[in-house]
Amino acid sequence: MKGLLSGIAIGALMMGGVWTAAAQNERAMHPRIAAAIASLKDAEAYMREAPHDFGGHREAALKASEAAIRQLNFALAYRDVRDHR
């Protein structure tokens, strides 16, 4: 049982490394999308720490930013087999 759990843990670590390398490769292939994600995260942090609510728009802007970041990450994760032959 101990060997099985060790094997599962090692496999999970290896898959995590493969996923990280693939994500870094996609970011390198699409630097504008990666930069947009970084900018949106920076704007989110700024809005969360701001002493005001931007005329009542902060909450909606934060939700829209989170959705945009999620969609951009999906775009980076998408691999069209025709693009990677």
PDB file of N, CA and C in Angstrom:
ATOM      1  N   MET A   1       0.832  -1.190   0.000  1.00  0.00           N
ATOM      2  CA  MET A   1       0.000   0.000   0.000  1.00  0.00           C
ATOM      3  C   MET A   1       0.879   1.257   0.000  1.00  0.00           C
ATOM      4  N   LYS A   2       1.943   1.228   0.781  1.00  0.00           N
ATOM      5  CA  LYS A   2       2.834   2.372   0.856  1.00  0.00           C
ATOM      6  C   LYS A   2       3.486   2.644  -0.502  1.00  0.00           C
ATOM      7  N   GLY A   3       3.861   1.587  -1.208  1.00  0.00           N
ATOM      8  CA  GLY A   3       4.452   1.730  -2.538  1.00  0.00           C
ATOM      9  C   GLY A   3       3.470   2.315  -3.535  1.00  0.00           C
ATOM     10  N   LEU A   4       2.212   1.886  -3.428  1.00  0.00           N
ATOM     11  CA  LEU A   4       1.178   2.406  -4.320  1.00  0.00           C
ATOM     12  C   LEU A   4       0.987   3.899  -4.102  1.00  0.00           C
ATOM     13  N   LEU A   5       0.896   4.316  -2.841  1.00  0.00           N
ATOM     14  CA  LEU A   5       0.721   5.737  -2.537  1.00  0.00           C
ATOM     15  C   LEU A   5       1.924   6.551  -2.989  1.00  0.00           C
ATOM     16  N   SER A   6       3.115   6.012  -2.825  1.00  0.00           N
ATOM     17  CA  SER A   6       4.317   6.705  -3.293  1.00  0.00           C
ATOM     18  C   SER A   6       4.291   6.857  -4.802  1.00  0.00           C
ATOM     19  N   GLY A   7       3.880   5.820  -5.504  1.00  0.00           N
ATOM     20  CA  GLY A   7       3.785   5.871  -6.962  1.00  0.00           C
ATOM     21  C   GLY A   7       2.779   6.901  -7.436  1.00  0.00           C
ATOM     22  N   ILE A   8       1.651   6.958  -6.750  1.00  0.00           N
ATOM     23  CA  ILE A   8       0.628   7.944  -7.100  1.00  0.00           C
ATOM     24  C   ILE A   8       1.156   9.355  -6.869  1.00  0.00           C
ATOM     25  N   ALA A   9       1.830   9.563  -5.741  1.00  0.00           N
ATOM     26  CA  ALA A   9       2.377  10.884  -5.435  1.00  0.00           C
ATOM     27  C   ALA A   9       3.423  11.296  -6.466  1.00  0.00           C
ATOM     28  N   ILE A  10       4.298  10.394  -6.826  1.00  0.00           N
ATOM     29  CA  ILE A  10       5.336  10.704  -7.819  1.00  0.00           C
ATOM     30  C   ILE A  10       4.687  10.997  -9.176  1.00  0.00           C
ATOM     31  N   GLY A  11       3.699  10.216  -9.553  1.00  0.00           N
ATOM     32  CA  GLY A  11       2.992  10.445 -10.816  1.00  0.00           C
ATOM     33  C   GLY A  11       2.307  11.804 -10.847  1.00  0.00           C
ATOM     34  N   ALA A  12       1.693  12.169  -9.722  1.00  0.00           N
ATOM     35  CA  ALA A  12       1.024  13.473  -9.642  1.00  0.00           C
ATOM     36  C   ALA A  12       2.028  14.610  -9.774  1.00  0.00           C
ATOM     37  N   LEU A  13       3.164  14.467  -9.124  1.00  0.00           N
ATOM     38  CA  LEU A  13       4.205  15.496  -9.231  1.00  0.00           C
ATOM     39  C   LEU A  13       4.722  15.619 -10.658  1.00  0.00           C
ATOM     40  N   MET A  14       4.907  14.491 -11.314  1.00  0.00           N
ATOM     41  CA  MET A  14       5.395  14.518 -12.692  1.00  0.00           C
ATOM     42  C   MET A  14       4.371  15.162 -13.619  1.00  0.00           C
ATOM     43  N   MET A  15       3.095  14.849 -13.436  1.00  0.00           N
ATOM     44  CA  MET A  15       2.053  15.441 -14.276  1.00  0.00           C
ATOM     45  C   MET A  15       1.955  16.940 -14.021  1.00  0.00           C
ATOM     46  N   GLY A  16       2.120  17.351 -12.781  1.00  0.00           N
ATOM     47  CA  GLY A  16       2.117  18.779 -12.464  1.00  0.00           C
ATOM     48  C   GLY A  16       3.248  19.493 -13.179  1.00  0.00           C
ATOM     49  N   GLY A  17       4.412  18.855 -13.243  1.00  0.00           N
ATOM     50  CA  GLY A  17       5.550  19.444 -13.953  1.00  0.00           C
ATOM     51  C   GLY A  17       5.299  19.546 -15.437  1.00  0.00           C
ATOM     52  N   VAL A  18       4.666  18.544 -16.016  1.00  0.00           N
ATOM     53  CA  VAL A  18       4.338  18.564 -17.444  1.00  0.00           C
ATOM     54  C   VAL A  18       3.333  19.675 -17.717  1.00  0.00           C
ATOM     55  N   TRP A  19       2.304  19.793 -16.869  1.00  0.00           N
ATOM     56  CA  TRP A  19       1.301  20.836 -17.051  1.00  0.00           C
ATOM     57  C   TRP A  19       1.927  22.212 -16.938  1.00  0.00           C
ATOM     58  N   THR A  20       2.826  22.414 -15.964  1.00  0.00           N
ATOM     59  CA  THR A  20       3.494  23.697 -15.788  1.00  0.00           C
ATOM     60  C   THR A  20       4.335  24.034 -17.005  1.00  0.00           C
ATOM     61  N   ALA A  21       5.066  23.081 -17.528  1.00  0.00           N
ATOM     62  CA  ALA A  21       5.887  23.322 -18.718  1.00  0.00           C
ATOM     63  C   ALA A  21       5.006  23.659 -19.911  1.00  0.00           C
ATOM     64  N   ALA A  22       3.885  22.957 -20.056  1.00  0.00           N
ATOM     65  CA  ALA A  22       2.974  23.240 -21.171  1.00  0.00           C
ATOM     66  C   ALA A  22       2.380  24.636 -21.036  1.00  0.00           C
ATOM     67  N   ALA A  23       2.003  25.019 -19.811  1.00  0.00           N
ATOM     68  CA  ALA A  23       1.437  26.350 -19.590  1.00  0.00           C
ATOM     69  C   ALA A  23       2.469  27.431 -19.890  1.00  0.00           C
ATOM     70  N   GLN A  24       3.701  27.223 -19.493  1.00  0.00           N
ATOM     71  CA  GLN A  24       4.752  28.196 -19.776  1.00  0.00           C
ATOM     72  C   GLN A  24       4.986  28.304 -21.275  1.00  0.00           C
ATOM     73  N   ASN A  25       4.921  27.188 -21.983  1.00  0.00           N
ATOM     74  CA  ASN A  25       5.097  27.194 -23.428  1.00  0.00           C
ATOM     75  C   ASN A  25       3.984  28.002 -24.091  1.00  0.00           C
ATOM     76  N   GLU A  26       2.748  27.794 -23.666  1.00  0.00           N
ATOM     77  CA  GLU A  26       1.626  28.532 -24.252  1.00  0.00           C
ATOM     78  C   GLU A  26       1.756  30.024 -23.949  1.00  0.00           C
ATOM     79  N   ARG A  27       2.199  30.373 -22.755  1.00  0.00           N
ATOM     80  CA  ARG A  27       2.397  31.786 -22.418  1.00  0.00           C
ATOM     81  C   ARG A  27       3.482  32.394 -23.305  1.00  0.00           C
ATOM     82  N   ALA A  28       4.526  31.625 -23.577  1.00  0.00           N
ATOM     83  CA  ALA A  28       5.602  32.117 -24.438  1.00  0.00           C
ATOM     84  C   ALA A  28       5.108  32.293 -25.871  1.00  0.00           C
ATOM     85  N   MET A  29       4.204  31.425 -26.301  1.00  0.00           N
ATOM     86  CA  MET A  29       3.681  31.511 -27.664  1.00  0.00           C
ATOM     87  C   MET A  29       2.678  32.655 -27.816  1.00  0.00           C
ATOM     88  N   HIS A  30       2.070  33.075 -26.718  1.00  0.00           N
ATOM     89  CA  HIS A  30       1.037  34.112 -26.754  1.00  0.00           C
ATOM     90  C   HIS A  30       1.334  35.174 -25.686  1.00  0.00           C
ATOM     91  N   PRO A  31       2.415  35.927 -25.845  1.00  0.00           N
ATOM     92  CA  PRO A  31       2.824  36.873 -24.801  1.00  0.00           C
ATOM     93  C   PRO A  31       1.807  37.978 -24.540  1.00  0.00           C
ATOM     94  N   ARG A  32       1.027  38.364 -25.531  1.00  0.00           N
ATOM     95  CA  ARG A  32       0.036  39.422 -25.304  1.00  0.00           C
ATOM     96  C   ARG A  32      -1.080  38.950 -24.389  1.00  0.00           C
ATOM     97  N   ILE A  33      -1.477  37.697 -24.537  1.00  0.00           N
ATOM     98  CA  ILE A  33      -2.506  37.156 -23.648  1.00  0.00           C
ATOM     99  C   ILE A  33      -1.943  37.046 -22.234  1.00  0.00           C
ATOM    100  N   ALA A  34      -0.716  36.559 -22.099  1.00  0.00           N
ATOM    101  CA  ALA A  34      -0.091  36.460 -20.778  1.00  0.00           C
ATOM    102  C   ALA A  34       0.038  37.844 -20.136  1.00  0.00           C
ATOM    103  N   ALA A  35       0.385  38.847 -20.929  1.00  0.00           N
ATOM    104  CA  ALA A  35       0.510  40.214 -20.406  1.00  0.00           C
ATOM    105  C   ALA A  35      -0.855  40.760 -19.987  1.00  0.00           C
ATOM    106  N   ALA A  36      -1.897  40.437 -20.746  1.00  0.00           N
ATOM    107  CA  ALA A  36      -3.245  40.886 -20.390  1.00  0.00           C
ATOM    108  C   ALA A  36      -3.680  40.286 -19.061  1.00  0.00           C
ATOM    109  N   ILE A  37      -3.369  39.017 -18.841  1.00  0.00           N
ATOM    110  CA  ILE A  37      -3.703  38.363 -17.570  1.00  0.00           C
ATOM    111  C   ILE A  37      -2.988  39.074 -16.426  1.00  0.00           C
ATOM    112  N   ALA A  38      -1.708  39.340 -16.608  1.00  0.00           N
ATOM    113  CA  ALA A  38      -0.932  40.020 -15.557  1.00  0.00           C
ATOM    114  C   ALA A  38      -1.498  41.407 -15.280  1.00  0.00           C
ATOM    115  N   SER A  39      -1.869  42.137 -16.320  1.00  0.00           N
ATOM    116  CA  SER A  39      -2.428  43.482 -16.140  1.00  0.00           C
ATOM    117  C   SER A  39      -3.773  43.437 -15.423  1.00  0.00           C
ATOM    118  N   LEU A  40      -4.612  42.479 -15.789  1.00  0.00           N
ATOM    119  CA  LEU A  40      -5.904  42.358 -15.121  1.00  0.00           C
ATOM    120  C   LEU A  40      -5.739  41.993 -13.648  1.00  0.00           C
ATOM    121  N   LYS A  41      -4.796  41.114 -13.350  1.00  0.00           N
ATOM    122  CA  LYS A  41      -4.542  40.758 -11.943  1.00  0.00           C
ATOM    123  C   LYS A  41      -4.056  41.969 -11.166  1.00  0.00           C
ATOM    124  N   ASP A  42      -3.206  42.780 -11.784  1.00  0.00           N
ATOM    125  CA  ASP A  42      -2.718  43.996 -11.138  1.00  0.00           C
ATOM    126  C   ASP A  42      -3.875  44.966 -10.892  1.00  0.00           C
ATOM    127  N   ALA A  43      -4.747  45.139 -11.882  1.00  0.00           N
ATOM    128  CA  ALA A  43      -5.903  46.022 -11.728  1.00  0.00           C
ATOM    129  C   ALA A  43      -6.840  45.513 -10.635  1.00  0.00           C
ATOM    130  N   GLU A  44      -7.038  44.205 -10.578  1.00  0.00           N
ATOM    131  CA  GLU A  44      -7.870  43.625  -9.519  1.00  0.00           C
ATOM    132  C   GLU A  44      -7.316  43.963  -8.144  1.00  0.00           C
ATOM    133  N   ALA A  45      -6.025  43.752  -7.967  1.00  0.00           N
ATOM    134  CA  ALA A  45      -5.389  44.028  -6.672  1.00  0.00           C
ATOM    135  C   ALA A  45      -5.545  45.502  -6.309  1.00  0.00           C
ATOM    136  N   TYR A  46      -5.364  46.366  -7.298  1.00  0.00           N
ATOM    137  CA  TYR A  46      -5.508  47.805  -7.066  1.00  0.00           C
ATOM    138  C   TYR A  46      -6.935  48.143  -6.630  1.00  0.00           C
ATOM    139  N   MET A  47      -7.925  47.585  -7.338  1.00  0.00           N
ATOM    140  CA  MET A  47      -9.321  47.873  -7.002  1.00  0.00           C
ATOM    141  C   MET A  47      -9.686  47.348  -5.625  1.00  0.00           C
ATOM    142  N   ARG A  48      -9.184  46.183  -5.271  1.00  0.00           N
ATOM    143  CA  ARG A  48      -9.502  45.610  -3.953  1.00  0.00           C
ATOM    144  C   ARG A  48      -8.947  46.463  -2.816  1.00  0.00           C
ATOM    145  N   GLU A  49      -7.808  47.086  -3.038  1.00  0.00           N
ATOM    146  CA  GLU A  49      -7.158  47.880  -1.994  1.00  0.00           C
ATOM    147  C   GLU A  49      -7.572  49.351  -1.998  1.00  0.00           C
ATOM    148  N   ALA A  50      -8.291  49.778  -3.017  1.00  0.00           N
ATOM    149  CA  ALA A  50      -8.682  51.180  -3.127  1.00  0.00           C
ATOM    150  C   ALA A  50      -9.632  51.571  -1.998  1.00  0.00           C
ATOM    151  N   PRO A  51      -9.522  52.816  -1.512  1.00  0.00           N
ATOM    152  CA  PRO A  51     -10.386  53.254  -0.406  1.00  0.00           C
ATOM    153  C   PRO A  51     -11.803  53.612  -0.850  1.00  0.00           C
ATOM    154  N   HIS A  52     -12.100  53.576  -2.144  1.00  0.00           N
ATOM    155  CA  HIS A  52     -13.436  53.915  -2.638  1.00  0.00           C
ATOM    156  C   HIS A  52     -13.924  52.809  -3.571  1.00  0.00           C
ATOM    157  N   ASP A  53     -15.157  52.929  -4.021  1.00  0.00           N
ATOM    158  CA  ASP A  53     -15.732  51.851  -4.848  1.00  0.00           C
ATOM    159  C   ASP A  53     -15.919  52.250  -6.313  1.00  0.00           C
ATOM    160  N   PHE A  54     -15.180  53.251  -6.755  1.00  0.00           N
ATOM    161  CA  PHE A  54     -15.201  53.671  -8.159  1.00  0.00           C
ATOM    162  C   PHE A  54     -16.624  53.962  -8.636  1.00  0.00           C
ATOM    163  N   GLY A  55     -17.307  54.769  -7.848  1.00  0.00           N
ATOM    164  CA  GLY A  55     -18.666  55.187  -8.224  1.00  0.00           C
ATOM    165  C   GLY A  55     -19.656  54.037  -8.272  1.00  0.00           C
ATOM    166  N   GLY A  56     -19.419  53.024  -7.454  1.00  0.00           N
ATOM    167  CA  GLY A  56     -20.317  51.880  -7.400  1.00  0.00           C
ATOM    168  C   GLY A  56     -20.003  50.794  -8.437  1.00  0.00           C
ATOM    169  N   HIS A  57     -18.898  50.949  -9.140  1.00  0.00           N
ATOM    170  CA  HIS A  57     -18.563  50.000 -10.204  1.00  0.00           C
ATOM    171  C   HIS A  57     -17.523  48.956  -9.800  1.00  0.00           C
ATOM    172  N   ARG A  58     -16.957  49.065  -8.608  1.00  0.00           N
ATOM    173  CA  ARG A  58     -15.872  48.160  -8.226  1.00  0.00           C
ATOM    174  C   ARG A  58     -16.293  46.694  -8.275  1.00  0.00           C
ATOM    175  N   GLU A  59     -17.405  46.352  -7.661  1.00  0.00           N
ATOM    176  CA  GLU A  59     -17.811  44.945  -7.582  1.00  0.00           C
ATOM    177  C   GLU A  59     -18.026  44.349  -8.966  1.00  0.00           C
ATOM    178  N   ALA A  60     -18.703  45.074  -9.847  1.00  0.00           N
ATOM    179  CA  ALA A  60     -18.934  44.573 -11.211  1.00  0.00           C
ATOM    180  C   ALA A  60     -17.614  44.477 -11.972  1.00  0.00           C
ATOM    181  N   ALA A  61     -16.744  45.456 -11.771  1.00  0.00           N
ATOM    182  CA  ALA A  61     -15.448  45.426 -12.461  1.00  0.00           C
ATOM    183  C   ALA A  61     -14.609  44.249 -11.985  1.00  0.00           C
ATOM    184  N   LEU A  62     -14.645  43.950 -10.696  1.00  0.00           N
ATOM    185  CA  LEU A  62     -13.901  42.805 -10.174  1.00  0.00           C
ATOM    186  C   LEU A  62     -14.441  41.497 -10.746  1.00  0.00           C
ATOM    187  N   LYS A  63     -15.759  41.362 -10.801  1.00  0.00           N
ATOM    188  CA  LYS A  63     -16.355  40.147 -11.366  1.00  0.00           C
ATOM    189  C   LYS A  63     -16.000  40.000 -12.837  1.00  0.00           C
ATOM    190  N   ALA A  64     -16.053  41.109 -13.582  1.00  0.00           N
ATOM    191  CA  ALA A  64     -15.713  41.058 -15.006  1.00  0.00           C
ATOM    192  C   ALA A  64     -14.238  40.728 -15.203  1.00  0.00           C
ATOM    193  N   SER A  65     -13.392  41.267 -14.343  1.00  0.00           N
ATOM    194  CA  SER A  65     -11.954  40.980 -14.432  1.00  0.00           C
ATOM    195  C   SER A  65     -11.681  39.514 -14.161  1.00  0.00           C
ATOM    196  N   GLU A  66     -12.323  38.969 -13.130  1.00  0.00           N
ATOM    197  CA  GLU A  66     -12.153  37.552 -12.815  1.00  0.00           C
ATOM    198  C   GLU A  66     -12.602  36.676 -13.984  1.00  0.00           C
ATOM    199  N   ALA A  67     -13.735  37.035 -14.591  1.00  0.00           N
ATOM    200  CA  ALA A  67     -14.239  36.263 -15.737  1.00  0.00           C
ATOM    201  C   ALA A  67     -13.282  36.370 -16.921  1.00  0.00           C
ATOM    202  N   ALA A  68     -12.746  37.558 -17.158  1.00  0.00           N
ATOM    203  CA  ALA A  68     -11.816  37.751 -18.273  1.00  0.00           C
ATOM    204  C   ALA A  68     -10.546  36.939 -18.056  1.00  0.00           C
ATOM    205  N   ILE A  69     -10.024  36.951 -16.839  1.00  0.00           N
ATOM    206  CA  ILE A  69      -8.819  36.175 -16.533  1.00  0.00           C
ATOM    207  C   ILE A  69      -9.081  34.686 -16.752  1.00  0.00           C
ATOM    208  N   ARG A  70     -10.225  34.217 -16.300  1.00  0.00           N
ATOM    209  CA  ARG A  70     -10.576  32.803 -16.468  1.00  0.00           C
ATOM    210  C   ARG A  70     -10.632  32.452 -17.961  1.00  0.00           C
ATOM    211  N   GLN A  71     -11.285  33.283 -18.760  1.00  0.00           N
ATOM    212  CA  GLN A  71     -11.399  33.008 -20.193  1.00  0.00           C
ATOM    213  C   GLN A  71     -10.044  33.088 -20.899  1.00  0.00           C
ATOM    214  N   LEU A  72      -9.211  34.028 -20.511  1.00  0.00           N
ATOM    215  CA  LEU A  72      -7.876  34.123 -21.113  1.00  0.00           C
ATOM    216  C   LEU A  72      -7.035  32.902 -20.770  1.00  0.00           C
ATOM    217  N   ASN A  73      -7.171  32.398 -19.552  1.00  0.00           N
ATOM    218  CA  ASN A  73      -6.458  31.170 -19.188  1.00  0.00           C
ATOM    219  C   ASN A  73      -6.971  29.981 -19.999  1.00  0.00           C
ATOM    220  N   PHE A  74      -8.286  29.934 -20.240  1.00  0.00           N
ATOM    221  CA  PHE A  74      -8.836  28.881 -21.109  1.00  0.00           C
ATOM    222  C   PHE A  74      -8.255  29.009 -22.512  1.00  0.00           C
ATOM    223  N   ALA A  75      -8.152  30.238 -22.992  1.00  0.00           N
ATOM    224  CA  ALA A  75      -7.595  30.459 -24.329  1.00  0.00           C
ATOM    225  C   ALA A  75      -6.152  29.967 -24.397  1.00  0.00           C
ATOM    226  N   LEU A  76      -5.377  30.225 -23.361  1.00  0.00           N
ATOM    227  CA  LEU A  76      -3.997  29.747 -23.341  1.00  0.00           C
ATOM    228  C   LEU A  76      -3.927  28.224 -23.280  1.00  0.00           C
ATOM    229  N   ALA A  77      -4.876  27.631 -22.586  1.00  0.00           N
ATOM    230  CA  ALA A  77      -4.865  26.178 -22.417  1.00  0.00           C
ATOM    231  C   ALA A  77      -5.340  25.448 -23.674  1.00  0.00           C
ATOM    232  N   TYR A  78      -6.076  26.138 -24.540  1.00  0.00           N
ATOM    233  CA  TYR A  78      -6.610  25.506 -25.743  1.00  0.00           C
ATOM    234  C   TYR A  78      -5.479  25.198 -26.706  1.00  0.00           C
ATOM    235  N   ARG A  79      -5.488  23.987 -27.194  1.00  0.00           N
ATOM    236  CA  ARG A  79      -4.463  23.575 -28.170  1.00  0.00           C
ATOM    237  C   ARG A  79      -5.178  22.986 -29.381  1.00  0.00           C
ATOM    238  N   ASP A  80      -5.117  23.673 -30.458  1.00  0.00           N
ATOM    239  CA  ASP A  80      -5.673  23.177 -31.720  1.00  0.00           C
ATOM    240  C   ASP A  80      -4.617  22.277 -32.349  1.00  0.00           C
ATOM    241  N   VAL A  81      -4.963  21.034 -32.614  1.00  0.00           N
ATOM    242  CA  VAL A  81      -3.983  20.094 -33.144  1.00  0.00           C
ATOM    243  C   VAL A  81      -3.406  20.582 -34.473  1.00  0.00           C
ATOM    244  N   ARG A  82      -4.158  21.367 -35.204  1.00  0.00           N
ATOM    245  CA  ARG A  82      -3.655  21.901 -36.469  1.00  0.00           C
ATOM    246  C   ARG A  82      -2.527  22.906 -36.240  1.00  0.00           C
ATOM    247  N   ASP A  83      -2.536  23.576 -35.074  1.00  0.00           N
ATOM    248  CA  ASP A  83      -1.511  24.574 -34.763  1.00  0.00           C
ATOM    249  C   ASP A  83      -0.230  23.955 -34.246  1.00  0.00           C
ATOM    250  N   HIS A  84      -0.275  22.703 -33.818  1.00  0.00           N
ATOM    251  CA  HIS A  84       0.879  22.092 -33.128  1.00  0.00           C
ATOM    252  C   HIS A  84       1.295  20.791 -33.784  1.00  0.00           C
ATOM    253  N   ARG A  85       1.419  20.773 -35.077  1.00  0.00           N
ATOM    254  CA  ARG A  85       1.842  19.556 -35.778  1.00  0.00           C
ATOM    255  C   ARG A  85       3.331  19.469 -35.835  1.00  0.00           C
TER     256      ARG A  85
END
